[in-house]
C-alpha atoms as a PDB file:
ATOM      1  CA  MET A   1     -59.963 -12.695 -16.813  1.00  0.00           C
ATOM      2  CA  LEU A   2     -62.433 -13.712 -19.654  1.00  0.00           C
ATOM      3  CA  LYS A   3     -64.527 -10.613 -19.132  1.00  0.00           C
ATOM      4  CA  LYS A   4     -61.406  -8.374 -19.279  1.00  0.00           C
ATOM      5  CA  ARG A   5     -60.294  -9.996 -22.566  1.00  0.00           C
ATOM      6  CA  LEU A   6     -63.809  -9.626 -24.136  1.00  0.00           C
ATOM      7  CA  PHE A   7     -63.851  -5.928 -23.056  1.00  0.00           C
ATOM      8  CA  ILE A   8     -60.445  -5.320 -24.638  1.00  0.00           C
ATOM      9  CA  LEU A   9     -61.529  -7.120 -27.782  1.00  0.00           C
ATOM     10  CA  SER A  10     -64.738  -4.983 -28.006  1.00  0.00           C
ATOM     11  CA  LEU A  11     -62.677  -1.810 -27.571  1.00  0.00           C
ATOM     12  CA  ALA A  12     -60.384  -2.900 -30.404  1.00  0.00           C
ATOM     13  CA  LEU A  13     -63.280  -3.779 -32.714  1.00  0.00           C
ATOM     14  CA  LEU A  14     -64.893  -0.485 -32.103  1.00  0.00           C
ATOM     15  CA  ALA A  15     -61.705   1.369 -32.729  1.00  0.00           C
ATOM     16  CA  ALA A  16     -61.143  -0.587 -35.959  1.00  0.00           C
ATOM     17  CA  ALA A  17     -64.664  -0.442 -37.240  1.00  0.00           C
ATOM     18  CA  PRO A  18     -64.384   3.033 -38.937  1.00  0.00           C
ATOM     19  CA  PHE A  19     -61.646   1.627 -41.106  1.00  0.00           C
ATOM     20  CA  LEU A  20     -63.436  -1.545 -41.988  1.00  0.00           C
ATOM     21  CA  LEU A  21     -67.025  -0.084 -42.775  1.00  0.00           C
ATOM     22  CA  PRO A  22     -68.089   2.247 -45.600  1.00  0.00           C
ATOM     23  CA  SER A  23     -67.420   5.935 -45.138  1.00  0.00           C
ATOM     24  CA  ALA A  24     -70.993   6.935 -44.148  1.00  0.00           C
ATOM     25  CA  ALA A  25     -71.161   4.155 -41.570  1.00  0.00           C
ATOM     26  CA  SER A  26     -67.713   4.977 -40.365  1.00  0.00           C
ATOM     27  CA  GLU A  27     -68.537   8.599 -39.780  1.00  0.00           C
ATOM     28  CA  TRP A  28     -71.660   7.515 -37.864  1.00  0.00           C
ATOM     29  CA  LEU A  29     -69.752   5.159 -35.797  1.00  0.00           C
ATOM     30  CA  ARG A  30     -66.950   7.703 -35.053  1.00  0.00           C
ATOM     31  CA  ARG A  31     -69.645   9.964 -33.471  1.00  0.00           C
ATOM     32  CA  LEU A  32     -70.874   7.190 -31.146  1.00  0.00           C
ATOM     33  CA  ALA A  33     -69.638   7.776 -27.594  1.00  0.00           C
ATOM     34  CA  PRO A  34     -68.350   4.175 -27.169  1.00  0.00           C
ATOM     35  CA  VAL A  35     -66.304   4.408 -30.259  1.00  0.00           C
ATOM     36  CA  ARG A  36     -64.973   7.808 -29.405  1.00  0.00           C
ATOM     37  CA  ASP A  37     -64.023   6.570 -25.926  1.00  0.00           C
ATOM     38  CA  ALA A  38     -62.387   3.490 -27.401  1.00  0.00           C
ATOM     39  CA  ARG A  39     -60.312   5.539 -29.764  1.00  0.00           C
ATOM     40  CA  ILE A  40     -59.239   7.802 -26.974  1.00  0.00           C
ATOM     41  CA  ALA A  41     -58.283   4.903 -24.757  1.00  0.00           C
ATOM     42  CA  VAL A  42     -56.289   3.268 -27.585  1.00  0.00           C
ATOM     43  CA  ALA A  43     -54.505   6.485 -28.343  1.00  0.00           C
ATOM     44  CA  GLU A  44     -53.625   6.994 -24.622  1.00  0.00           C
ATOM     45  CA  ARG A  45     -52.340   3.391 -24.451  1.00  0.00           C
ATOM     46  CA  LEU A  46     -50.187   3.960 -27.531  1.00  0.00           C
ATOM     47  CA  SER A  47     -49.011   7.362 -26.163  1.00  0.00           C
ATOM     48  CA  GLY A  48     -48.130   5.747 -22.846  1.00  0.00           C
ATOM     49  CA  ALA A  49     -46.187   2.950 -24.559  1.00  0.00           C
ATOM     50  CA  ALA A  50     -44.330   5.532 -26.619  1.00  0.00           C
ATOM     51  CA  ARG A  51     -43.480   7.480 -23.404  1.00  0.00           C
ATOM     52  CA  THR A  52     -42.343   4.296 -21.653  1.00  0.00           C
ATOM     53  CA  PHE A  53     -40.129   3.395 -24.582  1.00  0.00           C
ATOM     54  CA  SER A  54     -38.579   6.881 -24.618  1.00  0.00           C
ATOM     55  CA  ILE A  55     -37.935   6.694 -20.850  1.00  0.00           C
ATOM     56  CA  LEU A  56     -36.229   3.379 -21.241  1.00  0.00           C
ATOM     57  CA  ARG A  57     -34.125   4.543 -24.059  1.00  0.00           C
ATOM     58  CA  ASP A  58     -33.077   7.536 -21.979  1.00  0.00           C
ATOM     59  CA  LEU A  59     -32.294   5.394 -18.965  1.00  0.00           C
ATOM     60  CA  ARG A  60     -30.176   3.159 -21.099  1.00  0.00           C
ATOM     61  CA  SER A  61     -28.211   6.180 -22.460  1.00  0.00           C
ATOM     62  CA  VAL A  62     -27.764   7.489 -18.890  1.00  0.00           C
ATOM     63  CA  GLY A  63     -26.578   4.044 -17.748  1.00  0.00           C
ATOM     64  CA  GLU A  64     -24.002   3.866 -20.521  1.00  0.00           C
ATOM     65  CA  ARG A  65     -22.798   7.372 -19.652  1.00  0.00           C
ATOM     66  CA  ASN A  66     -22.642   6.449 -15.987  1.00  0.00           C
ATOM     67  CA  LEU A  67     -20.560   3.316 -16.807  1.00  0.00           C
ATOM     68  CA  ALA A  68     -18.179   5.355 -18.904  1.00  0.00           C
ATOM     69  CA  LEU A  69     -17.760   7.905 -16.129  1.00  0.00           C
ATOM     70  CA  GLU A  70     -17.172   5.109 -13.437  1.00  0.00           C
ATOM     71  CA  GLU A  71     -14.535   3.618 -15.790  1.00  0.00           C
ATOM     72  CA  GLU A  72     -12.816   7.040 -16.191  1.00  0.00           C
ATOM     73  CA  ASN A  73     -12.967   7.772 -12.409  1.00  0.00           C
ATOM     74  CA  ALA A  74     -11.409   4.378 -11.719  1.00  0.00           C
ATOM     75  CA  ARG A  75      -8.604   5.151 -14.250  1.00  0.00           C
ATOM     76  CA  LEU A  76      -8.025   8.544 -12.680  1.00  0.00           C
ATOM     77  CA  ARG A  77      -7.937   7.001  -9.167  1.00  0.00           C
ATOM     78  CA  LEU A  78      -5.413   4.418 -10.337  1.00  0.00           C
ATOM     79  CA  GLN A  79      -3.287   7.175 -11.915  1.00  0.00           C
ATOM     80  CA  LEU A  80      -3.343   9.078  -8.615  1.00  0.00           C
ATOM     81  CA  VAL A  81      -2.182   5.914  -6.828  1.00  0.00           C
ATOM     82  CA  LEU A  82       0.587   5.423  -9.285  1.00  0.00           C
ATOM     83  CA  ASN A  83       1.688   9.095  -9.152  1.00  0.00           C
ATOM     84  CA  ASP A  84       1.722   8.812  -5.314  1.00  0.00           C
ATOM     85  CA  GLY A  85       3.806   5.726  -5.544  1.00  0.00           C
ATOM     86  CA  ILE A  86       6.258   7.393  -7.938  1.00  0.00           C
ATOM     87  CA  LYS A  87       6.462  10.386  -5.598  1.00  0.00           C
ATOM     88  CA  ARG A  88       7.205   8.236  -2.616  1.00  0.00           C
ATOM     89  CA  GLU A  89       9.672   6.193  -4.517  1.00  0.00           C
ATOM     90  CA  ASN A  90      11.525   9.430  -5.632  1.00  0.00           C
ATOM     91  CA  GLU A  91      11.541  10.636  -1.942  1.00  0.00           C
ATOM     92  CA  GLU A  92      12.960   7.226  -0.817  1.00  0.00           C
ATOM     93  CA  LEU A  93      15.647   7.366  -3.473  1.00  0.00           C
ATOM     94  CA  SER A  94      16.462  10.952  -2.542  1.00  0.00           C
ATOM     95  CA  LYS A  95      17.036   9.945   1.061  1.00  0.00           C
ATOM     96  CA  LEU A  96      19.051   7.035   0.134  1.00  0.00           C
ATOM     97  CA  LEU A  97      21.245   9.219  -1.999  1.00  0.00           C
ATOM     98  CA  LYS A  98      21.914  11.317   1.050  1.00  0.00           C
ATOM     99  CA  ILE A  99      22.976   8.169   2.927  1.00  0.00           C
ATOM    100  CA  LYS A 100      25.335   7.429   0.007  1.00  0.00           C
ATOM    101  CA  ASP A 101      26.837  10.862   0.384  1.00  0.00           C
ATOM    102  CA  THR A 102      27.178  10.453   4.143  1.00  0.00           C
ATOM    103  CA  TYR A 103      29.036   7.113   3.901  1.00  0.00           C
ATOM    104  CA  SER A 104      30.939   7.924   0.638  1.00  0.00           C
ATOM    105  CA  ARG A 105      34.194   6.150   1.955  1.00  0.00           C
ATOM    106  CA  TYR A 106      32.321   2.902   2.012  1.00  0.00           C
ATOM    107  CA  ALA A 107      31.058   0.671  -0.860  1.00  0.00           C
ATOM    108  CA  ILE A 108      27.484   1.587  -1.168  1.00  0.00           C
ATOM    109  CA  ILE A 109      25.617  -1.175  -2.980  1.00  0.00           C
ATOM    110  CA  PRO A 110      22.018  -0.534  -4.272  1.00  0.00           C
ATOM    111  CA  ALA A 111      19.761  -3.488  -3.783  1.00  0.00           C
ATOM    112  CA  ARG A 112      16.013  -4.387  -3.958  1.00  0.00           C
ATOM    113  CA  ILE A 113      13.972  -6.896  -2.033  1.00  0.00           C
ATOM    114  CA  LEU A 114      13.100 -10.166  -3.727  1.00  0.00           C
ATOM    115  CA  HIS A 115      10.975 -11.719  -1.051  1.00  0.00           C
ATOM    116  CA  TYR A 116      10.477 -12.503   2.583  1.00  0.00           C
ATOM    117  CA  SER A 117      11.474 -15.908   3.883  1.00  0.00           C
ATOM    118  CA  ALA A 118       8.634 -18.389   4.133  1.00  0.00           C
ATOM    119  CA  VAL A 119       9.964 -19.842   7.393  1.00  0.00           C
ATOM    120  CA  ASN A 120      11.430 -16.775   9.031  1.00  0.00           C
ATOM    121  CA  PRO A 121       9.405 -13.567   8.766  1.00  0.00           C
ATOM    122  CA  ASN A 122      12.466 -11.630  10.025  1.00  0.00           C
ATOM    123  CA  ARG A 123      14.716 -12.542   7.158  1.00  0.00           C
ATOM    124  CA  ILE A 124      14.615 -11.220   3.537  1.00  0.00           C
ATOM    125  CA  THR A 125      16.302 -12.012   0.400  1.00  0.00           C
ATOM    126  CA  ILE A 126      17.621  -9.050  -1.602  1.00  0.00           C
ATOM    127  CA  HIS A 127      19.154  -8.747  -5.072  1.00  0.00           C
ATOM    128  CA  PHE A 128      22.094  -6.572  -6.272  1.00  0.00           C
ATOM    129  CA  ASP A 129      24.284  -6.317  -9.354  1.00  0.00           C
ATOM    130  CA  GLU A 130      26.998  -8.968  -9.274  1.00  0.00           C
ATOM    131  CA  GLN A 131      29.708  -6.390  -9.849  1.00  0.00           C
ATOM    132  CA  TYR A 132      29.306  -5.344  -6.131  1.00  0.00           C
ATOM    133  CA  ALA A 133      29.792  -8.840  -4.738  1.00  0.00           C
ATOM    134  CA  LYS A 134      33.443  -8.352  -4.043  1.00  0.00           C
ATOM    135  CA  HIS A 135      32.671  -5.606  -1.571  1.00  0.00           C
ATOM    136  CA  LEU A 136      30.264  -7.614   0.558  1.00  0.00           C
ATOM    137  CA  ALA A 137      30.890  -9.105   3.925  1.00  0.00           C
ATOM    138  CA  GLN A 138      28.949 -10.670   6.746  1.00  0.00           C
ATOM    139  CA  ASN A 139      27.211  -8.291   9.014  1.00  0.00           C
ATOM    140  CA  ALA A 140      27.301  -5.440   6.551  1.00  0.00           C
ATOM    141  CA  PRO A 141      24.425  -3.130   7.423  1.00  0.00           C
ATOM    142  CA  ALA A 142      21.358  -2.963   4.983  1.00  0.00           C
ATOM    143  CA  VAL A 143      19.528   0.411   5.294  1.00  0.00           C
ATOM    144  CA  SER A 144      16.471   2.024   3.818  1.00  0.00           C
ATOM    145  CA  SER A 145      15.652   5.617   3.639  1.00  0.00           C
ATOM    146  CA  MET A 146      14.353   5.506   7.195  1.00  0.00           C
ATOM    147  CA  GLY A 147      17.286   3.820   8.757  1.00  0.00           C
ATOM    148  CA  LEU A 148      18.852   0.477   9.620  1.00  0.00           C
ATOM    149  CA  VAL A 149      16.893  -2.534   8.311  1.00  0.00           C
ATOM    150  CA  GLY A 150      19.209  -5.496   9.109  1.00  0.00           C
ATOM    151  CA  LEU A 151      22.561  -7.100   8.783  1.00  0.00           C
ATOM    152  CA  VAL A 152      23.769  -9.301   5.891  1.00  0.00           C
ATOM    153  CA  LYS A 153      24.114 -12.824   7.094  1.00  0.00           C
ATOM    154  CA  SER A 154      25.025 -14.619   3.874  1.00  0.00           C
ATOM    155  CA  PHE A 155      25.452 -13.692   0.270  1.00  0.00           C
ATOM    156  CA  GLY A 156      26.086 -15.028  -3.257  1.00  0.00           C
ATOM    157  CA  ARG A 157      27.026 -13.681  -6.565  1.00  0.00           C
ATOM    158  CA  ASN A 158      23.979 -11.398  -6.949  1.00  0.00           C
ATOM    159  CA  HIS A 159      21.815 -11.936  -3.856  1.00  0.00           C
ATOM    160  CA  ALA A 160      22.017 -11.793  -0.074  1.00  0.00           C
ATOM    161  CA  GLU A 161      20.148 -12.950   2.896  1.00  0.00           C
ATOM    162  CA  VAL A 162      19.440 -10.129   5.426  1.00  0.00           C
ATOM    163  CA  GLU A 163      18.473 -10.673   9.076  1.00  0.00           C
ATOM    164  CA  LEU A 164      16.103  -7.936  10.087  1.00  0.00           C
ATOM    165  CA  ILE A 165      16.750  -5.939  13.246  1.00  0.00           C
ATOM    166  CA  THR A 166      13.442  -7.317  14.737  1.00  0.00           C
ATOM    167  CA  SER A 167      14.936 -10.865  14.682  1.00  0.00           C
ATOM    168  CA  ARG A 168      15.504 -12.417  18.025  1.00  0.00           C
ATOM    169  CA  ASN A 169      19.043 -13.052  16.875  1.00  0.00           C
ATOM    170  CA  PHE A 170      19.744  -9.351  16.431  1.00  0.00           C
ATOM    171  CA  SER A 171      21.584  -7.355  19.133  1.00  0.00           C
ATOM    172  CA  LEU A 172      23.374  -4.112  18.748  1.00  0.00           C
ATOM    173  CA  PRO A 173      24.716  -1.296  20.864  1.00  0.00           C
ATOM    174  CA  ALA A 174      22.914   1.991  20.415  1.00  0.00           C
ATOM    175  CA  VAL A 175      23.233   5.674  21.605  1.00  0.00           C
ATOM    176  CA  LEU A 176      20.413   8.157  22.285  1.00  0.00           C
ATOM    177  CA  GLU A 177      20.085  10.745  19.617  1.00  0.00           C
ATOM    178  CA  SER A 178      22.121  13.918  20.467  1.00  0.00           C
ATOM    179  CA  ARG A 179      23.311  12.198  23.667  1.00  0.00           C
ATOM    180  CA  GLU A 180      26.037   9.909  22.802  1.00  0.00           C
ATOM    181  CA  GLU A 181      26.823   9.338  26.461  1.00  0.00           C
ATOM    182  CA  CYS A 182      23.470   7.441  26.838  1.00  0.00           C
ATOM    183  CA  THR A 183      24.028   3.958  25.598  1.00  0.00           C
ATOM    184  CA  ALA A 184      21.914   0.939  25.565  1.00  0.00           C
ATOM    185  CA  ILE A 185      21.706  -2.587  23.949  1.00  0.00           C
ATOM    186  CA  LEU A 186      18.875  -3.170  21.523  1.00  0.00           C
ATOM    187  CA  ARG A 187      17.699  -6.732  20.904  1.00  0.00           C
ATOM    188  CA  GLY A 188      15.049  -7.859  18.509  1.00  0.00           C
ATOM    189  CA  ASN A 189      12.013  -9.533  20.070  1.00  0.00           C
ATOM    190  CA  GLY A 190      10.271 -10.799  16.883  1.00  0.00           C
ATOM    191  CA  GLN A 191       8.118  -7.745  16.421  1.00  0.00           C
ATOM    192  CA  THR A 192      10.017  -4.734  17.717  1.00  0.00           C
ATOM    193  CA  LEU A 193      13.160  -3.994  19.617  1.00  0.00           C
ATOM    194  CA  SER A 194      13.772  -4.405  23.412  1.00  0.00           C
ATOM    195  CA  ILE A 195      15.831  -1.665  25.121  1.00  0.00           C
ATOM    196  CA  GLN A 196      18.220  -2.989  27.694  1.00  0.00           C
ATOM    197  CA  PHE A 197      20.357  -1.043  30.191  1.00  0.00           C
ATOM    198  CA  LEU A 198      19.407   2.571  29.545  1.00  0.00           C
ATOM    199  CA  GLU A 199      20.639   4.739  32.441  1.00  0.00           C
ATOM    200  CA  LYS A 200      17.782   6.562  34.260  1.00  0.00           C
ATOM    201  CA  VAL A 201      19.660   9.871  34.083  1.00  0.00           C
ATOM    202  CA  CYS A 202      19.139   9.646  30.267  1.00  0.00           C
ATOM    203  CA  ASN A 203      15.485  10.148  30.782  1.00  0.00           C
ATOM    204  CA  THR A 204      15.740  13.725  31.788  1.00  0.00           C
ATOM    205  CA  PRO A 205      14.353  15.368  29.736  1.00  0.00           C
ATOM    206  CA  PRO A 206      12.019  12.454  28.763  1.00  0.00           C
ATOM    207  CA  ALA A 207      13.539  10.098  26.143  1.00  0.00           C
ATOM    208  CA  THR A 208      10.103   8.668  24.966  1.00  0.00           C
ATOM    209  CA  GLY A 209       9.855   9.478  21.230  1.00  0.00           C
ATOM    210  CA  ARG A 210      13.589  10.014  20.755  1.00  0.00           C
ATOM    211  CA  LYS A 211      15.578   8.089  18.206  1.00  0.00           C
ATOM    212  CA  MET A 212      18.191   5.459  19.060  1.00  0.00           C
ATOM    213  CA  LEU A 213      21.230   5.371  16.746  1.00  0.00           C
ATOM    214  CA  SER A 214      23.762   2.605  15.991  1.00  0.00           C
ATOM    215  CA  ALA A 215      26.995   2.783  18.043  1.00  0.00           C
ATOM    216  CA  ASN A 216      30.223   1.829  16.269  1.00  0.00           C
ATOM    217  CA  LEU A 217      31.687  -1.549  17.167  1.00  0.00           C
ATOM    218  CA  SER A 218      33.776  -2.373  14.141  1.00  0.00           C
ATOM    219  CA  GLU A 219      33.803  -1.610  10.488  1.00  0.00           C
ATOM    220  CA  ASN A 220      32.399  -4.982   9.442  1.00  0.00           C
ATOM    221  CA  TYR A 221      29.537  -5.026  12.049  1.00  0.00           C
ATOM    222  CA  SER A 222      27.956  -1.675  12.206  1.00  0.00           C
ATOM    223  CA  LEU A 223      28.365   2.021  11.312  1.00  0.00           C
ATOM    224  CA  PRO A 224      27.824   4.820  13.715  1.00  0.00           C
ATOM    225  CA  TYR A 225      24.796   6.968  13.921  1.00  0.00           C
ATOM    226  CA  ILE A 226      22.404   5.069  11.648  1.00  0.00           C
ATOM    227  CA  PRO A 227      18.899   5.554  12.886  1.00  0.00           C
ATOM    228  CA  ILE A 228      17.462   2.330  14.295  1.00  0.00           C
ATOM    229  CA  GLY A 229      14.192   3.014  16.059  1.00  0.00           C
ATOM    230  CA  VAL A 230      12.090   5.316  18.312  1.00  0.00           C
ATOM    231  CA  ILE A 231      11.793   4.853  22.031  1.00  0.00           C
ATOM    232  CA  GLY A 232       8.184   3.754  22.693  1.00  0.00           C
ATOM    233  CA  THR A 233       8.145   2.829  26.447  1.00  0.00           C
ATOM    234  CA  LEU A 234      10.539   2.840  29.355  1.00  0.00           C
ATOM    235  CA  ASP A 235      10.152   0.908  32.636  1.00  0.00           C
ATOM    236  CA  ASP A 236      12.029   0.336  35.778  1.00  0.00           C
ATOM    237  CA  ASP A 237      14.546  -2.482  35.686  1.00  0.00           C
ATOM    238  CA  GLU A 238      13.765  -4.766  38.658  1.00  0.00           C
ATOM    239  CA  THR A 239      17.231  -6.119  38.647  1.00  0.00           C
ATOM    240  CA  ASN A 240      19.100  -2.746  38.711  1.00  0.00           C
ATOM    241  CA  ILE A 241      17.737   0.505  40.165  1.00  0.00           C
ATOM    242  CA  LEU A 242      19.922   2.662  37.982  1.00  0.00           C
ATOM    243  CA  PHE A 243      18.654   1.381  34.583  1.00  0.00           C
ATOM    244  CA  TYR A 244      15.539   1.372  32.559  1.00  0.00           C
ATOM    245  CA  ARG A 245      14.291  -1.364  30.228  1.00  0.00           C
ATOM    246  CA  GLY A 246      11.862  -0.657  27.488  1.00  0.00           C
ATOM    247  CA  GLU A 247      10.787  -1.064  23.932  1.00  0.00           C
ATOM    248  CA  ALA A 248      11.692   0.696  20.716  1.00  0.00           C
ATOM    249  CA  VAL A 249       9.702   0.734  17.407  1.00  0.00           C
ATOM    250  CA  PRO A 250      11.803   0.222  14.328  1.00  0.00           C
ATOM    251  CA  LEU A 251      11.877   3.078  11.882  1.00  0.00           C
ATOM    252  CA  PHE A 252      11.459   0.918   8.755  1.00  0.00           C
ATOM    253  CA  LYS A 253       8.067  -0.592   7.836  1.00  0.00           C
ATOM    254  CA  LYS A 254       8.085  -4.140   6.528  1.00  0.00           C
ATOM    255  CA  GLY A 255       5.163  -3.499   4.040  1.00  0.00           C
ATOM    256  CA  LYS A 256       6.830  -0.405   2.624  1.00  0.00           C
ATOM    257  CA  LEU A 257      10.285  -1.599   2.046  1.00  0.00           C
ATOM    258  CA  ASN A 258      11.414  -1.358  -1.495  1.00  0.00           C
ATOM    259  CA  HIS A 259      14.919   0.074  -2.269  1.00  0.00           C
ATOM    260  CA  LEU A 260      17.781  -0.627   0.002  1.00  0.00           C
ATOM    261  CA  PHE A 261      21.511   0.065   0.263  1.00  0.00           C
ATOM    262  CA  ILE A 262      24.218  -2.298   1.635  1.00  0.00           C
ATOM    263  CA  ILE A 263      27.035  -0.411   3.233  1.00  0.00           C
ATOM    264  CA  ALA A 264      30.273  -2.294   3.043  1.00  0.00           C
ATOM    265  CA  GLY A 265      33.836  -1.335   3.662  1.00  0.00           C
ATOM    266  CA  GLY A 266      36.348  -1.259   0.843  1.00  0.00           C
ATOM    267  CA  SER A 267      38.690  -3.521   2.963  1.00  0.00           C
ATOM    268  CA  PHE A 268      36.429  -6.417   2.137  1.00  0.00           C
ATOM    269  CA  ALA A 269      37.279  -6.436  -1.646  1.00  0.00           C
ATOM    270  CA  ASP A 270      39.112  -9.723  -1.212  1.00  0.00           C
ATOM    271  CA  GLU A 271      36.556 -11.555   0.711  1.00  0.00           C
ATOM    272  CA  LYS A 272      35.411 -14.838  -0.848  1.00  0.00           C
ATOM    273  CA  LEU A 273      31.802 -15.206  -1.781  1.00  0.00           C
ATOM    274  CA  HIS A 274      29.758 -17.486   0.396  1.00  0.00           C
ATOM    275  CA  PRO A 275      28.281 -20.465  -1.438  1.00  0.00           C
END
């Protein structure tokens, strides 16, 4: 280490000597090979340092441009997500308006989800304008753009508790799409819907993948032909050779619920609000 320092000091002295000595001596020293070599080495060192500094400066500039581009790309990606969300929301609202047209003789109450129950994952709280409260009744169906979501179990001045169709407390008669003679009972099992008592003759042609629609019981319980779910599986019923049991997948998706409609009959205008 000491030898290296002495060597560097010698090179520096030799390089600086022409500037410190008289001109004649300086000229003579410049011609000496060691001095010339020292000057070249110092110049190369200085040139290399200048190049390094220039590269570092360029890299910093490139880095700043990359950060700016990443920020812009992130902003554009976010805008795409928002645009897609707006598009989906418009599509959902468009489908809901068709439902409103279909059931025009009923009171159609627009609502939005406030939150899921902390103790019951199959119950949600929804909010609506209090001007519609006079039309509400227990068991009024709540629908999304996909189909039936649940039934109103209690309500107040501007909110209601809705039991989802996946709840174990849910049970509803249903018919096979385009085949009203094919009936079944759908029961919630906590996650999906259990199909009970579907006649085997209804599986020709195969019913798997077909929609199940609500069957009309009474005005204050259900409305006919609201899509509920899609038949996923059908199995033999060990207790009755004429029927199938199976599972249906609900059409609505919990994580994608946003806008809802409550469909209530006008005959419930005088119903008292639940506390």
